[in-house]
Amino acid sequence: MFNNRHWVFQQDSAPAHRAKSTQDWLAAREIDFIRHEDWPSSSPDLSPLDYKIWQHMEEKAYLKPHPNLESLKTSLIKAAADIDMHLVRAAIDDWPRRLKACIQNHGGHFE
């Protein structure tokens, strides 16, 4: 999987990730993941998608008002397609620093 590189799936407190059926499914397939009980609840500070990527998506998608949901969807799809991999790498590279800040704040908000 993933070009023969080892990956650990990051779980958060999303109900779908926290569900027993999801946890059991991952465990049964011996997929390496961080169980929901080991992850700080509501931790957008530790999710690269939340602290970096969504911000980029919002900036791009909300440049103009959208008259309907379809227009917004189209804009978000285009924004996702335009994400520069340098942005993704920067978000991932910042994760260890953010993790240390979270630990120093005993799991609390740090930004």
PDB file of N, CA and C in Angstrom:
ATOM      1  N   MET A   1       0.846  -1.184   0.000  1.00  0.00           N
ATOM      2  CA  MET A   1       0.000   0.000   0.000  1.00  0.00           C
ATOM      3  C   MET A   1       0.885   1.239   0.000  1.00  0.00           C
ATOM      4  N   PHE A   2       0.511   2.260  -0.719  1.00  0.00           N
ATOM      5  CA  PHE A   2       1.234   3.525  -0.763  1.00  0.00           C
ATOM      6  C   PHE A   2       2.707   3.339  -1.139  1.00  0.00           C
ATOM      7  N   ASN A   3       2.929   2.706  -2.276  1.00  0.00           N
ATOM      8  CA  ASN A   3       4.290   2.510  -2.801  1.00  0.00           C
ATOM      9  C   ASN A   3       5.202   1.785  -1.827  1.00  0.00           C
ATOM     10  N   ASN A   4       4.667   0.806  -1.135  1.00  0.00           N
ATOM     11  CA  ASN A   4       5.421  -0.026  -0.196  1.00  0.00           C
ATOM     12  C   ASN A   4       6.002   0.756   0.973  1.00  0.00           C
ATOM     13  N   ARG A   5       5.427   1.903   1.281  1.00  0.00           N
ATOM     14  CA  ARG A   5       5.864   2.681   2.440  1.00  0.00           C
ATOM     15  C   ARG A   5       4.898   2.428   3.590  1.00  0.00           C
ATOM     16  N   HIS A   6       5.411   2.498   4.804  1.00  0.00           N
ATOM     17  CA  HIS A   6       4.582   2.286   5.985  1.00  0.00           C
ATOM     18  C   HIS A   6       3.805   3.562   6.301  1.00  0.00           C
ATOM     19  N   TRP A   7       2.519   3.422   6.529  1.00  0.00           N
ATOM     20  CA  TRP A   7       1.657   4.542   6.872  1.00  0.00           C
ATOM     21  C   TRP A   7       0.862   4.187   8.114  1.00  0.00           C
ATOM     22  N   VAL A   8       0.571   5.204   8.918  1.00  0.00           N
ATOM     23  CA  VAL A   8      -0.323   5.058  10.057  1.00  0.00           C
ATOM     24  C   VAL A   8      -1.475   6.015   9.814  1.00  0.00           C
ATOM     25  N   PHE A   9      -2.693   5.490   9.812  1.00  0.00           N
ATOM     26  CA  PHE A   9      -3.857   6.334   9.599  1.00  0.00           C
ATOM     27  C   PHE A   9      -4.158   7.117  10.869  1.00  0.00           C
ATOM     28  N   GLN A  10      -4.364   8.402  10.703  1.00  0.00           N
ATOM     29  CA  GLN A  10      -4.657   9.293  11.819  1.00  0.00           C
ATOM     30  C   GLN A  10      -6.163   9.365  12.023  1.00  0.00           C
ATOM     31  N   GLN A  11      -6.617   8.908  13.156  1.00  0.00           N
ATOM     32  CA  GLN A  11      -8.026   8.996  13.497  1.00  0.00           C
ATOM     33  C   GLN A  11      -8.254  10.281  14.285  1.00  0.00           C
ATOM     34  N   ASP A  12      -9.444  10.785  14.235  1.00  0.00           N
ATOM     35  CA  ASP A  12      -9.810  11.913  15.073  1.00  0.00           C
ATOM     36  C   ASP A  12     -11.163  11.613  15.701  1.00  0.00           C
ATOM     37  N   SER A  13     -11.821  12.617  16.181  1.00  0.00           N
ATOM     38  CA  SER A  13     -13.077  12.377  16.892  1.00  0.00           C
ATOM     39  C   SER A  13     -14.308  12.435  16.005  1.00  0.00           C
ATOM     40  N   ALA A  14     -14.120  12.388  14.712  1.00  0.00           N
ATOM     41  CA  ALA A  14     -15.282  12.345  13.820  1.00  0.00           C
ATOM     42  C   ALA A  14     -16.078  11.084  14.138  1.00  0.00           C
ATOM     43  N   PRO A  15     -17.399  11.189  14.209  1.00  0.00           N
ATOM     44  CA  PRO A  15     -18.207  10.018  14.560  1.00  0.00           C
ATOM     45  C   PRO A  15     -17.918   8.792  13.696  1.00  0.00           C
ATOM     46  N   ALA A  16     -17.683   8.979  12.414  1.00  0.00           N
ATOM     47  CA  ALA A  16     -17.403   7.838  11.536  1.00  0.00           C
ATOM     48  C   ALA A  16     -16.073   7.178  11.889  1.00  0.00           C
ATOM     49  N   HIS A  17     -15.101   7.943  12.346  1.00  0.00           N
ATOM     50  CA  HIS A  17     -13.804   7.375  12.726  1.00  0.00           C
ATOM     51  C   HIS A  17     -13.888   6.682  14.085  1.00  0.00           C
ATOM     52  N   ARG A  18     -14.720   7.220  14.940  1.00  0.00           N
ATOM     53  CA  ARG A  18     -14.843   6.751  16.308  1.00  0.00           C
ATOM     54  C   ARG A  18     -15.726   5.508  16.416  1.00  0.00           C
ATOM     55  N   ALA A  19     -16.522   5.256  15.409  1.00  0.00           N
ATOM     56  CA  ALA A  19     -17.481   4.149  15.455  1.00  0.00           C
ATOM     57  C   ALA A  19     -16.775   2.814  15.698  1.00  0.00           C
ATOM     58  N   LYS A  20     -17.393   1.998  16.531  1.00  0.00           N
ATOM     59  CA  LYS A  20     -16.829   0.680  16.827  1.00  0.00           C
ATOM     60  C   LYS A  20     -16.654  -0.132  15.545  1.00  0.00           C
ATOM     61  N   SER A  21     -17.615  -0.029  14.638  1.00  0.00           N
ATOM     62  CA  SER A  21     -17.516  -0.794  13.389  1.00  0.00           C
ATOM     63  C   SER A  21     -16.295  -0.365  12.568  1.00  0.00           C
ATOM     64  N   THR A  22     -15.983   0.928  12.565  1.00  0.00           N
ATOM     65  CA  THR A  22     -14.800   1.417  11.844  1.00  0.00           C
ATOM     66  C   THR A  22     -13.532   0.911  12.510  1.00  0.00           C
ATOM     67  N   GLN A  23     -13.467   1.050  13.838  1.00  0.00           N
ATOM     68  CA  GLN A  23     -12.300   0.597  14.584  1.00  0.00           C
ATOM     69  C   GLN A  23     -12.086  -0.909  14.393  1.00  0.00           C
ATOM     70  N   ASP A  24     -13.165  -1.674  14.466  1.00  0.00           N
ATOM     71  CA  ASP A  24     -13.084  -3.127  14.284  1.00  0.00           C
ATOM     72  C   ASP A  24     -12.650  -3.481  12.865  1.00  0.00           C
ATOM     73  N   TRP A  25     -13.171  -2.757  11.869  1.00  0.00           N
ATOM     74  CA  TRP A  25     -12.829  -3.017  10.469  1.00  0.00           C
ATOM     75  C   TRP A  25     -11.336  -2.814  10.244  1.00  0.00           C
ATOM     76  N   LEU A  26     -10.799  -1.700  10.747  1.00  0.00           N
ATOM     77  CA  LEU A  26      -9.365  -1.427  10.591  1.00  0.00           C
ATOM     78  C   LEU A  26      -8.520  -2.477  11.305  1.00  0.00           C
ATOM     79  N   ALA A  27      -8.900  -2.801  12.529  1.00  0.00           N
ATOM     80  CA  ALA A  27      -8.145  -3.784  13.312  1.00  0.00           C
ATOM     81  C   ALA A  27      -8.177  -5.162  12.650  1.00  0.00           C
ATOM     82  N   ALA A  28      -9.327  -5.570  12.125  1.00  0.00           N
ATOM     83  CA  ALA A  28      -9.457  -6.887  11.494  1.00  0.00           C
ATOM     84  C   ALA A  28      -8.568  -7.003  10.256  1.00  0.00           C
ATOM     85  N   ARG A  29      -8.313  -5.904   9.615  1.00  0.00           N
ATOM     86  CA  ARG A  29      -7.477  -5.910   8.407  1.00  0.00           C
ATOM     87  C   ARG A  29      -6.021  -5.571   8.713  1.00  0.00           C
ATOM     88  N   GLU A  30      -5.705  -5.496  10.014  1.00  0.00           N
ATOM     89  CA  GLU A  30      -4.356  -5.204  10.485  1.00  0.00           C
ATOM     90  C   GLU A  30      -3.805  -3.918   9.867  1.00  0.00           C
ATOM     91  N   ILE A  31      -4.684  -2.917   9.754  1.00  0.00           N
ATOM     92  CA  ILE A  31      -4.288  -1.596   9.262  1.00  0.00           C
ATOM     93  C   ILE A  31      -3.807  -0.798  10.463  1.00  0.00           C
ATOM     94  N   ASP A  32      -2.625  -0.228  10.344  1.00  0.00           N
ATOM     95  CA  ASP A  32      -2.043   0.544  11.436  1.00  0.00           C
ATOM     96  C   ASP A  32      -2.748   1.896  11.527  1.00  0.00           C
ATOM     97  N   PHE A  33      -3.322   2.190  12.674  1.00  0.00           N
ATOM     98  CA  PHE A  33      -4.036   3.456  12.858  1.00  0.00           C
ATOM     99  C   PHE A  33      -3.989   3.855  14.329  1.00  0.00           C
ATOM    100  N   ILE A  34      -4.210   5.134  14.571  1.00  0.00           N
ATOM    101  CA  ILE A  34      -4.269   5.638  15.932  1.00  0.00           C
ATOM    102  C   ILE A  34      -5.720   5.532  16.382  1.00  0.00           C
ATOM    103  N   ARG A  35      -5.960   4.745  17.400  1.00  0.00           N
ATOM    104  CA  ARG A  35      -7.325   4.537  17.900  1.00  0.00           C
ATOM    105  C   ARG A  35      -7.880   5.838  18.479  1.00  0.00           C
ATOM    106  N   HIS A  36      -9.185   5.975  18.389  1.00  0.00           N
ATOM    107  CA  HIS A  36      -9.814   7.230  18.814  1.00  0.00           C
ATOM    108  C   HIS A  36      -9.547   7.556  20.278  1.00  0.00           C
ATOM    109  N   GLU A  37      -9.429   6.550  21.128  1.00  0.00           N
ATOM    110  CA  GLU A  37      -9.186   6.838  22.540  1.00  0.00           C
ATOM    111  C   GLU A  37      -7.776   7.364  22.808  1.00  0.00           C
ATOM    112  N   ASP A  38      -6.880   7.214  21.834  1.00  0.00           N
ATOM    113  CA  ASP A  38      -5.515   7.712  21.975  1.00  0.00           C
ATOM    114  C   ASP A  38      -5.310   9.066  21.300  1.00  0.00           C
ATOM    115  N   TRP A  39      -6.369   9.616  20.760  1.00  0.00           N
ATOM    116  CA  TRP A  39      -6.274  10.882  20.030  1.00  0.00           C
ATOM    117  C   TRP A  39      -7.039  11.961  20.775  1.00  0.00           C
ATOM    118  N   PRO A  40      -6.477  13.157  20.913  1.00  0.00           N
ATOM    119  CA  PRO A  40      -7.223  14.215  21.611  1.00  0.00           C
ATOM    120  C   PRO A  40      -8.525  14.523  20.876  1.00  0.00           C
ATOM    121  N   SER A  41      -9.605  14.630  21.620  1.00  0.00           N
ATOM    122  CA  SER A  41     -10.878  14.941  20.976  1.00  0.00           C
ATOM    123  C   SER A  41     -10.854  16.359  20.430  1.00  0.00           C
ATOM    124  N   SER A  42     -11.600  16.549  19.354  1.00  0.00           N
ATOM    125  CA  SER A  42     -11.719  17.870  18.728  1.00  0.00           C
ATOM    126  C   SER A  42     -10.355  18.526  18.566  1.00  0.00           C
ATOM    127  N   SER A  43      -9.496  17.914  17.798  1.00  0.00           N
ATOM    128  CA  SER A  43      -8.120  18.388  17.679  1.00  0.00           C
ATOM    129  C   SER A  43      -7.795  18.929  16.288  1.00  0.00           C
ATOM    130  N   PRO A  44      -8.461  20.000  15.850  1.00  0.00           N
ATOM    131  CA  PRO A  44      -8.111  20.553  14.538  1.00  0.00           C
ATOM    132  C   PRO A  44      -6.688  21.081  14.488  1.00  0.00           C
ATOM    133  N   ASP A  45      -6.114  21.392  15.669  1.00  0.00           N
ATOM    134  CA  ASP A  45      -4.742  21.863  15.712  1.00  0.00           C
ATOM    135  C   ASP A  45      -3.752  20.793  15.274  1.00  0.00           C
ATOM    136  N   LEU A  46      -4.177  19.533  15.275  1.00  0.00           N
ATOM    137  CA  LEU A  46      -3.277  18.439  14.930  1.00  0.00           C
ATOM    138  C   LEU A  46      -3.618  17.778  13.603  1.00  0.00           C
ATOM    139  N   SER A  47      -4.579  18.282  12.916  1.00  0.00           N
ATOM    140  CA  SER A  47      -4.966  17.701  11.636  1.00  0.00           C
ATOM    141  C   SER A  47      -4.496  18.611  10.498  1.00  0.00           C
ATOM    142  N   PRO A  48      -3.524  18.154   9.692  1.00  0.00           N
ATOM    143  CA  PRO A  48      -3.051  18.994   8.579  1.00  0.00           C
ATOM    144  C   PRO A  48      -4.189  19.464   7.682  1.00  0.00           C
ATOM    145  N   LEU A  49      -5.187  18.628   7.517  1.00  0.00           N
ATOM    146  CA  LEU A  49      -6.325  19.030   6.698  1.00  0.00           C
ATOM    147  C   LEU A  49      -7.006  20.247   7.322  1.00  0.00           C
ATOM    148  N   ASP A  50      -7.180  20.219   8.637  1.00  0.00           N
ATOM    149  CA  ASP A  50      -7.878  21.313   9.320  1.00  0.00           C
ATOM    150  C   ASP A  50      -7.036  22.575   9.429  1.00  0.00           C
ATOM    151  N   TYR A  51      -5.760  22.457   9.798  1.00  0.00           N
ATOM    152  CA  TYR A  51      -4.993  23.672  10.063  1.00  0.00           C
ATOM    153  C   TYR A  51      -4.308  24.263   8.835  1.00  0.00           C
ATOM    154  N   LYS A  52      -4.337  23.591   7.718  1.00  0.00           N
ATOM    155  CA  LYS A  52      -3.646  24.133   6.549  1.00  0.00           C
ATOM    156  C   LYS A  52      -4.447  23.994   5.257  1.00  0.00           C
ATOM    157  N   ILE A  53      -4.879  22.809   4.953  1.00  0.00           N
ATOM    158  CA  ILE A  53      -5.476  22.539   3.650  1.00  0.00           C
ATOM    159  C   ILE A  53      -6.855  23.183   3.508  1.00  0.00           C
ATOM    160  N   TRP A  54      -7.725  23.057   4.527  1.00  0.00           N
ATOM    161  CA  TRP A  54      -9.059  23.658   4.429  1.00  0.00           C
ATOM    162  C   TRP A  54      -8.967  25.172   4.286  1.00  0.00           C
ATOM    163  N   GLN A  55      -7.999  25.774   4.967  1.00  0.00           N
ATOM    164  CA  GLN A  55      -7.811  27.225   4.847  1.00  0.00           C
ATOM    165  C   GLN A  55      -7.547  27.602   3.390  1.00  0.00           C
ATOM    166  N   HIS A  56      -6.680  26.850   2.753  1.00  0.00           N
ATOM    167  CA  HIS A  56      -6.374  27.083   1.333  1.00  0.00           C
ATOM    168  C   HIS A  56      -7.634  26.901   0.484  1.00  0.00           C
ATOM    169  N   MET A  57      -8.356  25.835   0.753  1.00  0.00           N
ATOM    170  CA  MET A  57      -9.571  25.549  -0.017  1.00  0.00           C
ATOM    171  C   MET A  57     -10.589  26.684   0.135  1.00  0.00           C
ATOM    172  N   GLU A  58     -10.769  27.134   1.363  1.00  0.00           N
ATOM    173  CA  GLU A  58     -11.724  28.219   1.606  1.00  0.00           C
ATOM    174  C   GLU A  58     -11.310  29.501   0.889  1.00  0.00           C
ATOM    175  N   GLU A  59     -10.026  29.824   0.964  1.00  0.00           N
ATOM    176  CA  GLU A  59      -9.549  31.042   0.302  1.00  0.00           C
ATOM    177  C   GLU A  59      -9.830  30.994  -1.196  1.00  0.00           C
ATOM    178  N   LYS A  60      -9.592  29.855  -1.797  1.00  0.00           N
ATOM    179  CA  LYS A  60      -9.801  29.715  -3.244  1.00  0.00           C
ATOM    180  C   LYS A  60     -11.285  29.632  -3.599  1.00  0.00           C
ATOM    181  N   ALA A  61     -12.026  28.857  -2.851  1.00  0.00           N
ATOM    182  CA  ALA A  61     -13.430  28.604  -3.196  1.00  0.00           C
ATOM    183  C   ALA A  61     -14.342  29.788  -2.901  1.00  0.00           C
ATOM    184  N   TYR A  62     -13.963  30.608  -1.949  1.00  0.00           N
ATOM    185  CA  TYR A  62     -14.838  31.714  -1.549  1.00  0.00           C
ATOM    186  C   TYR A  62     -14.413  33.051  -2.149  1.00  0.00           C
ATOM    187  N   LEU A  63     -13.653  33.020  -3.236  1.00  0.00           N
ATOM    188  CA  LEU A  63     -13.256  34.272  -3.885  1.00  0.00           C
ATOM    189  C   LEU A  63     -14.466  35.033  -4.415  1.00  0.00           C
ATOM    190  N   LYS A  64     -15.515  34.301  -4.715  1.00  0.00           N
ATOM    191  CA  LYS A  64     -16.747  34.933  -5.204  1.00  0.00           C
ATOM    192  C   LYS A  64     -17.928  34.260  -4.528  1.00  0.00           C
ATOM    193  N   PRO A  65     -19.041  34.975  -4.401  1.00  0.00           N
ATOM    194  CA  PRO A  65     -20.228  34.342  -3.814  1.00  0.00           C
ATOM    195  C   PRO A  65     -20.783  33.258  -4.749  1.00  0.00           C
ATOM    196  N   HIS A  66     -21.396  32.257  -4.167  1.00  0.00           N
ATOM    197  CA  HIS A  66     -21.961  31.159  -4.945  1.00  0.00           C
ATOM    198  C   HIS A  66     -23.473  31.214  -4.888  1.00  0.00           C
ATOM    199  N   PRO A  67     -24.114  31.209  -6.046  1.00  0.00           N
ATOM    200  CA  PRO A  67     -25.574  31.306  -6.076  1.00  0.00           C
ATOM    201  C   PRO A  67     -26.282  30.023  -5.648  1.00  0.00           C
ATOM    202  N   ASN A  68     -25.521  28.897  -5.659  1.00  0.00           N
ATOM    203  CA  ASN A  68     -26.147  27.630  -5.296  1.00  0.00           C
ATOM    204  C   ASN A  68     -25.087  26.625  -4.857  1.00  0.00           C
ATOM    205  N   LEU A  69     -25.534  25.512  -4.364  1.00  0.00           N
ATOM    206  CA  LEU A  69     -24.633  24.480  -3.855  1.00  0.00           C
ATOM    207  C   LEU A  69     -23.750  23.912  -4.961  1.00  0.00           C
ATOM    208  N   GLU A  70     -24.302  23.742  -6.134  1.00  0.00           N
ATOM    209  CA  GLU A  70     -23.520  23.176  -7.252  1.00  0.00           C
ATOM    210  C   GLU A  70     -22.331  24.070  -7.594  1.00  0.00           C
ATOM    211  N   SER A  71     -22.526  25.364  -7.567  1.00  0.00           N
ATOM    212  CA  SER A  71     -21.445  26.315  -7.832  1.00  0.00           C
ATOM    213  C   SER A  71     -20.344  26.186  -6.777  1.00  0.00           C
ATOM    214  N   LEU A  72     -20.741  26.063  -5.510  1.00  0.00           N
ATOM    215  CA  LEU A  72     -19.766  25.894  -4.428  1.00  0.00           C
ATOM    216  C   LEU A  72     -18.999  24.588  -4.599  1.00  0.00           C
ATOM    217  N   LYS A  73     -19.703  23.501  -4.898  1.00  0.00           N
ATOM    218  CA  LYS A  73     -19.041  22.208  -5.111  1.00  0.00           C
ATOM    219  C   LYS A  73     -18.003  22.296  -6.231  1.00  0.00           C
ATOM    220  N   THR A  74     -18.389  22.914  -7.330  1.00  0.00           N
ATOM    221  CA  THR A  74     -17.472  23.058  -8.472  1.00  0.00           C
ATOM    222  C   THR A  74     -16.235  23.845  -8.063  1.00  0.00           C
ATOM    223  N   SER A  75     -16.439  24.906  -7.312  1.00  0.00           N
ATOM    224  CA  SER A  75     -15.325  25.730  -6.864  1.00  0.00           C
ATOM    225  C   SER A  75     -14.403  24.960  -5.917  1.00  0.00           C
ATOM    226  N   LEU A  76     -14.975  24.164  -5.009  1.00  0.00           N
ATOM    227  CA  LEU A  76     -14.163  23.368  -4.087  1.00  0.00           C
ATOM    228  C   LEU A  76     -13.374  22.290  -4.824  1.00  0.00           C
ATOM    229  N   ILE A  77     -13.979  21.665  -5.808  1.00  0.00           N
ATOM    230  CA  ILE A  77     -13.284  20.642  -6.590  1.00  0.00           C
ATOM    231  C   ILE A  77     -12.097  21.260  -7.328  1.00  0.00           C
ATOM    232  N   LYS A  78     -12.302  22.433  -7.907  1.00  0.00           N
ATOM    233  CA  LYS A  78     -11.211  23.124  -8.597  1.00  0.00           C
ATOM    234  C   LYS A  78     -10.116  23.513  -7.610  1.00  0.00           C
ATOM    235  N   ALA A  79     -10.505  24.022  -6.435  1.00  0.00           N
ATOM    236  CA  ALA A  79      -9.516  24.401  -5.423  1.00  0.00           C
ATOM    237  C   ALA A  79      -8.699  23.185  -4.979  1.00  0.00           C
ATOM    238  N   ALA A  80      -9.347  22.039  -4.822  1.00  0.00           N
ATOM    239  CA  ALA A  80      -8.644  20.816  -4.424  1.00  0.00           C
ATOM    240  C   ALA A  80      -7.662  20.374  -5.502  1.00  0.00           C
ATOM    241  N   ALA A  81      -8.084  20.483  -6.755  1.00  0.00           N
ATOM    242  CA  ALA A  81      -7.216  20.085  -7.869  1.00  0.00           C
ATOM    243  C   ALA A  81      -5.995  20.992  -7.981  1.00  0.00           C
ATOM    244  N   ASP A  82      -6.121  22.217  -7.494  1.00  0.00           N
ATOM    245  CA  ASP A  82      -5.036  23.187  -7.604  1.00  0.00           C
ATOM    246  C   ASP A  82      -4.095  23.212  -6.405  1.00  0.00           C
ATOM    247  N   ILE A  83      -4.300  22.332  -5.447  1.00  0.00           N
ATOM    248  CA  ILE A  83      -3.437  22.322  -4.263  1.00  0.00           C
ATOM    249  C   ILE A  83      -2.014  21.958  -4.676  1.00  0.00           C
ATOM    250  N   ASP A  84      -1.095  22.807  -4.293  1.00  0.00           N
ATOM    251  CA  ASP A  84       0.324  22.585  -4.576  1.00  0.00           C
ATOM    252  C   ASP A  84       0.875  21.590  -3.544  1.00  0.00           C
ATOM    253  N   MET A  85       1.624  20.620  -3.993  1.00  0.00           N
ATOM    254  CA  MET A  85       2.173  19.614  -3.080  1.00  0.00           C
ATOM    255  C   MET A  85       3.133  20.234  -2.067  1.00  0.00           C
ATOM    256  N   HIS A  86       3.691  21.399  -2.364  1.00  0.00           N
ATOM    257  CA  HIS A  86       4.533  22.087  -1.381  1.00  0.00           C
ATOM    258  C   HIS A  86       3.696  22.491  -0.156  1.00  0.00           C
ATOM    259  N   LEU A  87       2.452  22.873  -0.385  1.00  0.00           N
ATOM    260  CA  LEU A  87       1.546  23.219   0.702  1.00  0.00           C
ATOM    261  C   LEU A  87       1.269  21.981   1.564  1.00  0.00           C
ATOM    262  N   VAL A  88       1.031  20.862   0.919  1.00  0.00           N
ATOM    263  CA  VAL A  88       0.775  19.610   1.643  1.00  0.00           C
ATOM    264  C   VAL A  88       2.012  19.217   2.447  1.00  0.00           C
ATOM    265  N   ARG A  89       3.174  19.279   1.826  1.00  0.00           N
ATOM    266  CA  ARG A  89       4.421  18.917   2.517  1.00  0.00           C
ATOM    267  C   ARG A  89       4.667  19.851   3.704  1.00  0.00           C
ATOM    268  N   ALA A  90       4.431  21.155   3.528  1.00  0.00           N
ATOM    269  CA  ALA A  90       4.630  22.117   4.622  1.00  0.00           C
ATOM    270  C   ALA A  90       3.693  21.799   5.788  1.00  0.00           C
ATOM    271  N   ALA A  91       2.455  21.439   5.485  1.00  0.00           N
ATOM    272  CA  ALA A  91       1.495  21.091   6.534  1.00  0.00           C
ATOM    273  C   ALA A  91       1.957  19.856   7.301  1.00  0.00           C
ATOM    274  N   ILE A  92       2.433  18.859   6.585  1.00  0.00           N
ATOM    275  CA  ILE A  92       2.899  17.627   7.224  1.00  0.00           C
ATOM    276  C   ILE A  92       4.180  17.880   8.018  1.00  0.00           C
ATOM    277  N   ASP A  93       5.086  18.667   7.453  1.00  0.00           N
ATOM    278  CA  ASP A  93       6.341  18.968   8.142  1.00  0.00           C
ATOM    279  C   ASP A  93       6.125  19.760   9.425  1.00  0.00           C
ATOM    280  N   ASP A  94       5.033  20.516   9.496  1.00  0.00           N
ATOM    281  CA  ASP A  94       4.731  21.316  10.690  1.00  0.00           C
ATOM    282  C   ASP A  94       4.096  20.479  11.793  1.00  0.00           C
ATOM    283  N   TRP A  95       3.677  19.268  11.467  1.00  0.00           N
ATOM    284  CA  TRP A  95       2.957  18.442  12.427  1.00  0.00           C
ATOM    285  C   TRP A  95       3.753  18.146  13.700  1.00  0.00           C
ATOM    286  N   PRO A  96       5.034  17.765  13.635  1.00  0.00           N
ATOM    287  CA  PRO A  96       5.764  17.485  14.887  1.00  0.00           C
ATOM    288  C   PRO A  96       5.805  18.695  15.833  1.00  0.00           C
ATOM    289  N   ARG A  97       5.977  19.891  15.290  1.00  0.00           N
ATOM    290  CA  ARG A  97       6.004  21.092  16.126  1.00  0.00           C
ATOM    291  C   ARG A  97       4.641  21.280  16.795  1.00  0.00           C
ATOM    292  N   ARG A  98       3.582  21.061  16.044  1.00  0.00           N
ATOM    293  CA  ARG A  98       2.239  21.224  16.581  1.00  0.00           C
ATOM    294  C   ARG A  98       1.947  20.166  17.645  1.00  0.00           C
ATOM    295  N   LEU A  99       2.423  18.960  17.427  1.00  0.00           N
ATOM    296  CA  LEU A  99       2.241  17.895  18.406  1.00  0.00           C
ATOM    297  C   LEU A  99       2.937  18.259  19.720  1.00  0.00           C
ATOM    298  N   LYS A 100       4.151  18.767  19.637  1.00  0.00           N
ATOM    299  CA  LYS A 100       4.876  19.187  20.849  1.00  0.00           C
ATOM    300  C   LYS A 100       4.124  20.303  21.575  1.00  0.00           C
ATOM    301  N   ALA A 101       3.579  21.257  20.820  1.00  0.00           N
ATOM    302  CA  ALA A 101       2.817  22.351  21.431  1.00  0.00           C
ATOM    303  C   ALA A 101       1.578  21.809  22.129  1.00  0.00           C
ATOM    304  N   CYS A 102       0.934  20.819  21.521  1.00  0.00           N
ATOM    305  CA  CYS A 102      -0.249  20.201  22.126  1.00  0.00           C
ATOM    306  C   CYS A 102       0.127  19.513  23.437  1.00  0.00           C
ATOM    307  N   ILE A 103       1.233  18.803  23.442  1.00  0.00           N
ATOM    308  CA  ILE A 103       1.696  18.111  24.654  1.00  0.00           C
ATOM    309  C   ILE A 103       2.016  19.131  25.736  1.00  0.00           C
ATOM    310  N   GLN A 104       2.699  20.221  25.367  1.00  0.00           N
ATOM    311  CA  GLN A 104       3.038  21.253  26.349  1.00  0.00           C
ATOM    312  C   GLN A 104       1.794  21.900  26.952  1.00  0.00           C
ATOM    313  N   ASN A 105       0.708  21.938  26.177  1.00  0.00           N
ATOM    314  CA  ASN A 105      -0.545  22.515  26.674  1.00  0.00           C
ATOM    315  C   ASN A 105      -1.509  21.452  27.188  1.00  0.00           C
ATOM    316  N   HIS A 106      -0.966  20.280  27.481  1.00  0.00           N
ATOM    317  CA  HIS A 106      -1.728  19.176  28.055  1.00  0.00           C
ATOM    318  C   HIS A 106      -2.986  18.854  27.262  1.00  0.00           C
ATOM    319  N   GLY A 107      -2.837  18.865  25.933  1.00  0.00           N
ATOM    320  CA  GLY A 107      -3.946  18.515  25.041  1.00  0.00           C
ATOM    321  C   GLY A 107      -4.890  19.652  24.744  1.00  0.00           C
ATOM    322  N   GLY A 108      -4.621  20.814  25.317  1.00  0.00           N
ATOM    323  CA  GLY A 108      -5.501  21.958  25.091  1.00  0.00           C
ATOM    324  C   GLY A 108      -5.168  22.706  23.813  1.00  0.00           C
ATOM    325  N   HIS A 109      -6.012  23.648  23.503  1.00  0.00           N
ATOM    326  CA  HIS A 109      -5.831  24.486  22.307  1.00  0.00           C
ATOM    327  C   HIS A 109      -4.554  25.305  22.460  1.00  0.00           C
ATOM    328  N   PHE A 110      -3.792  25.454  21.385  1.00  0.00           N
ATOM    329  CA  PHE A 110      -2.519  26.171  21.488  1.00  0.00           C
ATOM    330  C   PHE A 110      -2.329  27.239  20.444  1.00  0.00           C
ATOM    331  N   GLU A 111      -3.361  27.585  19.702  1.00  0.00           N
ATOM    332  CA  GLU A 111      -3.205  28.666  18.737  1.00  0.00           C
ATOM    333  C   GLU A 111      -4.239  29.728  18.966  1.00  0.00           C
TER     334      GLU A 111
END
